[in-house]
């Protein structure tokens, strides 16, 4: 299981937050590929900047342990 995180404040590289849906539920995905596809859909500019090394990494899909699920 994977979840998405984004660092939207480039002034604080330690500040990451989980990506949630409109109802406030944590977005989770069965595969890493599906998680990365959703990142690209939700944050296309940040993902493209990372792809072309135009800035620091600000999006990520991370593996979750079972107890992290909501």
C-alpha atoms as a PDB file:
ATOM      1  CA  UNK A   1       0.000   0.000   0.000  1.00  0.00           C
ATOM      2  CA  UNK A   2       1.297   3.460  -0.895  1.00  0.00           C
ATOM      3  CA  UNK A   3       0.355   6.977   0.114  1.00  0.00           C
ATOM      4  CA  UNK A   4       1.243  10.332  -1.418  1.00  0.00           C
ATOM      5  CA  UNK A   5       3.082  13.193   0.236  1.00  0.00           C
ATOM      6  CA  UNK A   6       3.816  16.691  -1.023  1.00  0.00           C
ATOM      7  CA  UNK A   7       6.106  19.436   0.207  1.00  0.00           C
ATOM      8  CA  UNK A   8       4.465  22.613  -1.036  1.00  0.00           C
ATOM      9  CA  UNK A   9       6.557  25.099   0.957  1.00  0.00           C
ATOM     10  CA  UNK A  10       9.988  25.157  -0.686  1.00  0.00           C
ATOM     11  CA  UNK A  11      11.282  27.298   2.191  1.00  0.00           C
ATOM     12  CA  UNK A  12      10.847  24.406   4.632  1.00  0.00           C
ATOM     13  CA  UNK A  13      12.125  21.154   3.073  1.00  0.00           C
ATOM     14  CA  UNK A  14      11.199  19.177   6.210  1.00  0.00           C
ATOM     15  CA  UNK A  15       7.492  20.026   5.957  1.00  0.00           C
ATOM     16  CA  UNK A  16       5.714  17.200   4.097  1.00  0.00           C
ATOM     17  CA  UNK A  17       2.003  16.475   4.291  1.00  0.00           C
ATOM     18  CA  UNK A  18      -0.176  13.554   3.240  1.00  0.00           C
ATOM     19  CA  UNK A  19      -2.412  14.022   0.229  1.00  0.00           C
ATOM     20  CA  UNK A  20      -6.096  13.569   1.031  1.00  0.00           C
ATOM     21  CA  UNK A  21      -9.261  13.448  -1.055  1.00  0.00           C
ATOM     22  CA  UNK A  22     -12.084  16.007  -0.923  1.00  0.00           C
ATOM     23  CA  UNK A  23     -13.623  14.202   2.071  1.00  0.00           C
ATOM     24  CA  UNK A  24     -10.361  14.366   4.030  1.00  0.00           C
ATOM     25  CA  UNK A  25      -9.562  10.669   3.637  1.00  0.00           C
ATOM     26  CA  UNK A  26      -5.984   9.615   3.010  1.00  0.00           C
ATOM     27  CA  UNK A  27      -5.387   8.700  -0.637  1.00  0.00           C
ATOM     28  CA  UNK A  28      -3.892   5.202  -0.825  1.00  0.00           C
ATOM     29  CA  UNK A  29      -2.907   2.988  -3.738  1.00  0.00           C
ATOM     30  CA  UNK A  30      -2.177  -0.703  -4.162  1.00  0.00           C
ATOM     31  CA  UNK A  31       0.798  -0.132  -6.475  1.00  0.00           C
ATOM     32  CA  UNK A  32       3.590   2.394  -6.619  1.00  0.00           C
ATOM     33  CA  UNK A  33       2.857   2.997 -10.309  1.00  0.00           C
ATOM     34  CA  UNK A  34      -0.742   3.970  -9.523  1.00  0.00           C
ATOM     35  CA  UNK A  35       0.459   6.304  -6.771  1.00  0.00           C
ATOM     36  CA  UNK A  36       2.926   8.043  -9.077  1.00  0.00           C
ATOM     37  CA  UNK A  37       0.276   8.381 -11.789  1.00  0.00           C
ATOM     38  CA  UNK A  38      -2.036  10.142  -9.316  1.00  0.00           C
ATOM     39  CA  UNK A  39       0.812  12.430  -8.207  1.00  0.00           C
ATOM     40  CA  UNK A  40       1.329  13.452 -11.806  1.00  0.00           C
ATOM     41  CA  UNK A  41      -2.403  14.084 -12.214  1.00  0.00           C
ATOM     42  CA  UNK A  42      -2.704  16.182  -9.045  1.00  0.00           C
ATOM     43  CA  UNK A  43       0.650  18.009  -9.157  1.00  0.00           C
ATOM     44  CA  UNK A  44       1.769  18.033 -12.807  1.00  0.00           C
ATOM     45  CA  UNK A  45       4.090  21.021 -12.508  1.00  0.00           C
ATOM     46  CA  UNK A  46       5.944  19.739  -9.433  1.00  0.00           C
ATOM     47  CA  UNK A  47       6.354  16.276 -10.949  1.00  0.00           C
ATOM     48  CA  UNK A  48       7.658  17.687 -14.247  1.00  0.00           C
ATOM     49  CA  UNK A  49      10.101  19.957 -12.405  1.00  0.00           C
ATOM     50  CA  UNK A  50      11.490  16.894 -10.596  1.00  0.00           C
ATOM     51  CA  UNK A  51      11.696  14.924 -13.829  1.00  0.00           C
ATOM     52  CA  UNK A  52      13.866  17.578 -15.452  1.00  0.00           C
ATOM     53  CA  UNK A  53      15.886  18.353 -12.296  1.00  0.00           C
ATOM     54  CA  UNK A  54      14.644  21.947 -12.263  1.00  0.00           C
ATOM     55  CA  UNK A  55      14.275  21.917  -8.506  1.00  0.00           C
ATOM     56  CA  UNK A  56      14.332  19.774  -5.362  1.00  0.00           C
ATOM     57  CA  UNK A  57      12.107  16.739  -4.903  1.00  0.00           C
ATOM     58  CA  UNK A  58       8.729  17.922  -3.599  1.00  0.00           C
ATOM     59  CA  UNK A  59       6.437  14.951  -4.258  1.00  0.00           C
ATOM     60  CA  UNK A  60       6.731  11.337  -3.181  1.00  0.00           C
ATOM     61  CA  UNK A  61       4.877   8.050  -2.992  1.00  0.00           C
ATOM     62  CA  UNK A  62       5.847   6.139   0.109  1.00  0.00           C
ATOM     63  CA  UNK A  63       5.153   2.622   1.261  1.00  0.00           C
ATOM     64  CA  UNK A  64       2.834   2.323   4.253  1.00  0.00           C
ATOM     65  CA  UNK A  65       2.711  -0.203   7.040  1.00  0.00           C
ATOM     66  CA  UNK A  66      -0.707  -1.688   7.792  1.00  0.00           C
ATOM     67  CA  UNK A  67      -1.086   0.291  11.037  1.00  0.00           C
ATOM     68  CA  UNK A  68      -0.703   3.605   9.167  1.00  0.00           C
ATOM     69  CA  UNK A  69      -3.984   3.128   7.286  1.00  0.00           C
ATOM     70  CA  UNK A  70      -6.936   5.203   8.370  1.00  0.00           C
END
